[in-house]
Amino acid sequence: MKNFNSIKKNSEFQNVYKNGKSYVNRNLIMYVINNNQKTSRIGISVSKKVGNSVVRHRLTRLLRECYRLNEDRFHKCVDIVVVVRVNAADISYEEMLSSFLHLCKLHNILEKMV
């Protein structure tokens, strides 16, 4: 399994929340800010309100997979924090991917595919 850069520290999450731009759809909230690194990073937040640990970890895995499969399409040097909303508790992978890519397009962080 390929490891990728992720946001882990609370201070990094807080920086993205305070200084980043956010867009919302039915299932997700996405905050994006430019960073001074050579790669993109992602942080995923799923509240206990969404469901028990099995549900929360499933949603985290779905989001990680959405990011992993589209990682090469992102502009470099961005920090992304995705917050899962309560409505997303029982959605499928296809719905999660659609919501994730929709917010990426709103943030204009996807490169054009040739």
C-alpha atoms as a PDB file:
ATOM      1  CA  MET A   1       0.000   0.000   0.000  1.00  0.00           C
ATOM      2  CA  LYS A   2       1.408   3.343  -1.056  1.00  0.00           C
ATOM      3  CA  ASN A   3       1.797   5.902   1.695  1.00  0.00           C
ATOM      4  CA  PHE A   4       0.990   9.511   0.980  1.00  0.00           C
ATOM      5  CA  ASN A   5       1.485  12.716   2.879  1.00  0.00           C
ATOM      6  CA  SER A   6      -1.258  13.486   5.319  1.00  0.00           C
ATOM      7  CA  ILE A   7      -2.036  16.220   7.798  1.00  0.00           C
ATOM      8  CA  LYS A   8      -1.731  14.812  11.299  1.00  0.00           C
ATOM      9  CA  LYS A   9      -1.070  17.627  13.766  1.00  0.00           C
ATOM     10  CA  ASN A  10      -3.895  19.607  15.292  1.00  0.00           C
ATOM     11  CA  SER A  11      -2.046  22.871  14.587  1.00  0.00           C
ATOM     12  CA  GLU A  12      -1.900  21.998  10.884  1.00  0.00           C
ATOM     13  CA  PHE A  13      -5.642  21.285  10.825  1.00  0.00           C
ATOM     14  CA  GLN A  14      -6.333  24.567  12.635  1.00  0.00           C
ATOM     15  CA  ASN A  15      -4.185  26.490  10.155  1.00  0.00           C
ATOM     16  CA  VAL A  16      -6.181  25.097   7.218  1.00  0.00           C
ATOM     17  CA  TYR A  17      -9.500  25.785   8.982  1.00  0.00           C
ATOM     18  CA  LYS A  18      -8.587  29.404   9.801  1.00  0.00           C
ATOM     19  CA  ASN A  19      -6.742  30.432   6.643  1.00  0.00           C
ATOM     20  CA  GLY A  20      -8.118  28.098   3.983  1.00  0.00           C
ATOM     21  CA  LYS A  21     -11.050  28.528   1.632  1.00  0.00           C
ATOM     22  CA  SER A  22     -14.014  26.213   2.080  1.00  0.00           C
ATOM     23  CA  TYR A  23     -16.763  24.813  -0.111  1.00  0.00           C
ATOM     24  CA  VAL A  24     -19.611  22.568   0.958  1.00  0.00           C
ATOM     25  CA  ASN A  25     -21.874  20.026  -0.649  1.00  0.00           C
ATOM     26  CA  ARG A  26     -24.384  17.580   0.782  1.00  0.00           C
ATOM     27  CA  ASN A  27     -21.839  15.048   2.022  1.00  0.00           C
ATOM     28  CA  LEU A  28     -18.544  16.878   2.558  1.00  0.00           C
ATOM     29  CA  ILE A  29     -16.898  20.135   3.572  1.00  0.00           C
ATOM     30  CA  MET A  30     -13.518  20.798   1.961  1.00  0.00           C
ATOM     31  CA  TYR A  31     -10.940  23.350   3.089  1.00  0.00           C
ATOM     32  CA  VAL A  32      -7.965  24.081   0.838  1.00  0.00           C
ATOM     33  CA  ILE A  33      -4.883  26.221   1.380  1.00  0.00           C
ATOM     34  CA  ASN A  34      -1.578  26.491  -0.486  1.00  0.00           C
ATOM     35  CA  ASN A  35       1.444  25.104   1.352  1.00  0.00           C
ATOM     36  CA  ASN A  36       5.160  25.566   0.844  1.00  0.00           C
ATOM     37  CA  GLN A  37       5.914  21.907   0.215  1.00  0.00           C
ATOM     38  CA  LYS A  38       6.465  19.940  -2.966  1.00  0.00           C
ATOM     39  CA  THR A  39       3.470  17.626  -2.525  1.00  0.00           C
ATOM     40  CA  SER A  40      -0.199  17.834  -1.676  1.00  0.00           C
ATOM     41  CA  ARG A  41      -1.403  16.651   1.720  1.00  0.00           C
ATOM     42  CA  ILE A  42      -4.830  15.563   2.919  1.00  0.00           C
ATOM     43  CA  GLY A  43      -6.448  15.504   6.342  1.00  0.00           C
ATOM     44  CA  ILE A  44      -9.742  13.748   7.017  1.00  0.00           C
ATOM     45  CA  SER A  45     -12.073  14.535   9.898  1.00  0.00           C
ATOM     46  CA  VAL A  46     -15.116  12.407  10.765  1.00  0.00           C
ATOM     47  CA  SER A  47     -17.100  13.349  13.864  1.00  0.00           C
ATOM     48  CA  LYS A  48     -18.699  10.876  16.256  1.00  0.00           C
ATOM     49  CA  LYS A  49     -22.046  12.362  15.200  1.00  0.00           C
ATOM     50  CA  VAL A  50     -21.646  10.589  11.851  1.00  0.00           C
ATOM     51  CA  GLY A  51     -21.704   7.109  13.374  1.00  0.00           C
ATOM     52  CA  ASN A  52     -19.806   4.518  15.337  1.00  0.00           C
ATOM     53  CA  SER A  53     -16.149   3.720  14.730  1.00  0.00           C
ATOM     54  CA  VAL A  54     -16.905   1.183  12.005  1.00  0.00           C
ATOM     55  CA  VAL A  55     -18.860   3.778  10.012  1.00  0.00           C
ATOM     56  CA  ARG A  56     -16.270   6.516  10.596  1.00  0.00           C
ATOM     57  CA  HIS A  57     -13.353   4.326   9.514  1.00  0.00           C
ATOM     58  CA  ARG A  58     -15.237   3.142   6.420  1.00  0.00           C
ATOM     59  CA  LEU A  59     -15.806   6.747   5.364  1.00  0.00           C
ATOM     60  CA  THR A  60     -12.165   7.579   6.033  1.00  0.00           C
ATOM     61  CA  ARG A  61     -11.049   4.663   3.858  1.00  0.00           C
ATOM     62  CA  LEU A  62     -13.403   5.756   1.064  1.00  0.00           C
ATOM     63  CA  LEU A  63     -12.020   9.292   1.139  1.00  0.00           C
ATOM     64  CA  ARG A  64      -8.425   8.083   1.213  1.00  0.00           C
ATOM     65  CA  GLU A  65      -9.121   5.939  -1.839  1.00  0.00           C
ATOM     66  CA  CYS A  66     -10.760   8.875  -3.654  1.00  0.00           C
ATOM     67  CA  TYR A  67      -7.653  10.942  -2.951  1.00  0.00           C
ATOM     68  CA  ARG A  68      -5.200   8.157  -3.831  1.00  0.00           C
ATOM     69  CA  LEU A  69      -6.739   7.434  -7.221  1.00  0.00           C
ATOM     70  CA  ASN A  70      -6.771  11.119  -8.178  1.00  0.00           C
ATOM     71  CA  GLU A  71      -3.558  12.229  -6.470  1.00  0.00           C
ATOM     72  CA  ASP A  72      -1.699  12.733  -9.753  1.00  0.00           C
ATOM     73  CA  ARG A  73      -4.420  15.163 -10.938  1.00  0.00           C
ATOM     74  CA  PHE A  74      -3.967  17.650  -8.067  1.00  0.00           C
ATOM     75  CA  HIS A  75      -2.000  20.833  -8.385  1.00  0.00           C
ATOM     76  CA  LYS A  76       1.074  20.495  -6.242  1.00  0.00           C
ATOM     77  CA  CYS A  77       1.512  22.430  -3.009  1.00  0.00           C
ATOM     78  CA  VAL A  78      -1.984  22.296  -1.481  1.00  0.00           C
ATOM     79  CA  ASP A  79      -3.224  21.167   1.910  1.00  0.00           C
ATOM     80  CA  ILE A  80      -6.723  19.678   1.815  1.00  0.00           C
ATOM     81  CA  VAL A  81      -8.896  19.031   4.867  1.00  0.00           C
ATOM     82  CA  VAL A  82     -12.119  17.103   4.267  1.00  0.00           C
ATOM     83  CA  VAL A  83     -14.834  17.040   6.926  1.00  0.00           C
ATOM     84  CA  VAL A  84     -17.494  14.359   6.495  1.00  0.00           C
ATOM     85  CA  ARG A  85     -21.057  15.489   7.172  1.00  0.00           C
ATOM     86  CA  VAL A  86     -23.738  13.388   8.886  1.00  0.00           C
ATOM     87  CA  ASN A  87     -25.599  12.851   5.571  1.00  0.00           C
ATOM     88  CA  ALA A  88     -22.663  10.787   4.295  1.00  0.00           C
ATOM     89  CA  ALA A  89     -23.021   7.997   6.863  1.00  0.00           C
ATOM     90  CA  ASP A  90     -24.332   5.394   4.408  1.00  0.00           C
ATOM     91  CA  ILE A  91     -23.235   6.541   0.970  1.00  0.00           C
ATOM     92  CA  SER A  92     -21.498   4.362  -1.595  1.00  0.00           C
ATOM     93  CA  TYR A  93     -18.002   4.802  -3.002  1.00  0.00           C
ATOM     94  CA  GLU A  94     -19.371   6.262  -6.242  1.00  0.00           C
ATOM     95  CA  GLU A  95     -21.328   8.923  -4.347  1.00  0.00           C
ATOM     96  CA  MET A  96     -18.288   9.737  -2.199  1.00  0.00           C
ATOM     97  CA  LEU A  97     -16.084  10.055  -5.291  1.00  0.00           C
ATOM     98  CA  SER A  98     -18.648  12.286  -6.977  1.00  0.00           C
ATOM     99  CA  SER A  99     -18.885  14.574  -3.915  1.00  0.00           C
ATOM    100  CA  PHE A 100     -15.097  14.680  -3.522  1.00  0.00           C
ATOM    101  CA  LEU A 101     -14.417  15.537  -7.182  1.00  0.00           C
ATOM    102  CA  HIS A 102     -17.234  18.108  -7.182  1.00  0.00           C
ATOM    103  CA  LEU A 103     -15.556  20.008  -4.347  1.00  0.00           C
ATOM    104  CA  CYS A 104     -12.142  19.656  -5.979  1.00  0.00           C
ATOM    105  CA  LYS A 105     -13.551  21.264  -9.123  1.00  0.00           C
ATOM    106  CA  LEU A 106     -15.083  24.108  -7.096  1.00  0.00           C
ATOM    107  CA  HIS A 107     -11.687  24.747  -5.488  1.00  0.00           C
ATOM    108  CA  ASN A 108     -10.080  24.518  -8.937  1.00  0.00           C
ATOM    109  CA  ILE A 109      -7.331  22.204  -7.674  1.00  0.00           C
ATOM    110  CA  LEU A 110      -7.612  19.558 -10.376  1.00  0.00           C
ATOM    111  CA  GLU A 111      -5.371  19.831 -13.401  1.00  0.00           C
ATOM    112  CA  LYS A 112      -6.975  19.475 -16.789  1.00  0.00           C
ATOM    113  CA  MET A 113      -6.695  15.969 -18.186  1.00  0.00           C
ATOM    114  CA  VAL A 114      -5.431  15.774 -21.751  1.00  0.00           C
END
